[in-house]
Protein backbone atom coordinates (compact mmCIF):
# COMPACT_ATOMS: atom_id res chain seq x y z
CA MET A 1 -21.59 -18.16 15.23
CA PRO A 2 -20.93 -16.91 11.69
CA TYR A 3 -18.65 -13.95 12.56
CA LEU A 4 -15.18 -14.17 14.06
CA LEU A 5 -12.55 -11.56 14.94
CA ILE A 6 -8.87 -12.44 15.16
CA SER A 7 -6.06 -10.06 16.02
CA THR A 8 -2.39 -9.74 16.81
CA GLN A 9 -0.02 -7.00 17.87
CA ILE A 10 2.11 -5.63 15.01
CA ARG A 11 5.31 -6.51 16.88
CA LEU A 12 3.95 -10.08 17.27
CA GLU A 13 2.95 -10.74 13.66
CA VAL A 14 4.45 -14.24 13.89
CA GLY A 15 2.18 -15.07 16.83
CA PRO A 16 0.53 -15.47 19.17
CA THR A 17 -2.83 -14.69 17.58
CA MET A 18 -5.98 -13.87 19.54
CA VAL A 19 -8.78 -15.96 18.02
CA GLY A 20 -11.77 -15.47 20.30
CA ASP A 21 -13.29 -14.17 23.49
CA GLU A 22 -14.69 -16.07 26.45
CA HIS A 23 -18.02 -16.54 24.61
CA SER A 24 -16.50 -18.11 21.48
CA ASP A 25 -17.47 -21.56 20.23
CA PRO A 26 -15.42 -24.03 22.32
CA HIS A 27 -15.48 -26.61 19.50
CA LEU A 28 -13.98 -24.13 17.01
CA MET A 29 -11.40 -23.05 19.58
CA SER A 30 -10.33 -26.68 20.09
CA ILE A 31 -10.01 -27.19 16.30
CA LEU A 32 -7.71 -24.15 16.17
CA GLY A 33 -5.74 -25.46 19.17
CA ALA A 34 -6.54 -22.32 21.17
CA THR A 35 -6.13 -21.96 24.90
CA LYS A 36 -8.18 -19.62 27.08
CA ARG A 37 -6.25 -17.17 29.21
CA SER A 38 -6.77 -13.96 31.13
CA THR A 39 -4.31 -11.09 31.14
CA LEU A 40 -3.45 -9.49 34.47
CA GLY A 41 -5.81 -6.57 35.03
CA ASN A 42 -8.54 -7.82 32.66
CA ASN A 43 -11.79 -9.24 34.01
CA PHE A 44 -12.36 -11.34 30.88
CA CYS A 45 -10.67 -14.21 29.06
CA GLU A 46 -9.47 -14.54 25.47
CA TYR A 47 -8.46 -17.52 23.35
CA TYR A 48 -4.96 -17.53 21.88
CA VAL A 49 -2.97 -19.77 19.54
CA ASN A 50 0.79 -19.64 19.09
CA ASP A 51 0.41 -19.64 15.29
CA ALA A 52 0.97 -16.63 13.08
CA PRO A 53 -2.19 -14.93 11.76
CA ARG A 54 -1.50 -16.30 8.25
CA VAL A 55 -1.62 -19.87 9.59
CA VAL A 56 -4.83 -19.15 11.51
CA LEU A 57 -6.42 -17.56 8.42
CA ASP A 58 -5.50 -20.66 6.36
CA LYS A 59 -7.10 -22.95 8.96
CA LEU A 60 -10.25 -20.82 9.12
CA GLU A 61 -10.54 -20.75 5.31
CA SER A 62 -10.52 -24.54 5.28
CA LEU A 63 -13.42 -24.40 7.77
CA GLY A 64 -15.50 -22.15 5.49
CA TYR A 65 -14.60 -18.72 6.88
CA ARG A 66 -13.84 -15.81 4.55
CA VAL A 67 -12.18 -12.49 5.41
CA VAL A 68 -14.73 -9.67 5.33
CA SER A 69 -12.38 -6.87 6.35
CA MET A 70 -8.99 -6.16 7.86
CA THR A 71 -7.67 -3.05 9.60
CA GLY A 72 -4.97 -1.73 11.84
CA VAL A 73 -6.00 -0.20 15.16
CA GLY A 74 -3.03 1.44 16.84
CA GLN A 75 -0.45 -1.34 17.13
CA THR A 76 -3.02 -4.11 16.53
CA LEU A 77 -3.99 -5.89 13.32
CA VAL A 78 -7.62 -7.11 13.21
CA TRP A 79 -9.39 -9.42 10.74
CA CYS A 80 -13.15 -9.92 10.60
CA LEU A 81 -14.24 -13.26 9.12
CA HIS A 82 -17.65 -14.67 8.23
CA ARG A 83 -18.86 -18.21 7.57
CA GLU A 84 -21.93 -18.85 5.41
């Protein structure tokens, strides 16, 4: 799984950070210390860590991921990463 999206709400820029969906690599999610949870009203799960996005990005860089792009969507910050 070479691509990964992470995101956080602007008002929550110190965490938590969403690091994957229910189909994400469980091994990678355990390395990041992520827990799977479902928000009331959603019929899908997401993985979250309590770390700030900067901490998550540092961890992912050490695992070979590089930021491809970053954007703001409404009140959400989103990073797209790729691993060779």
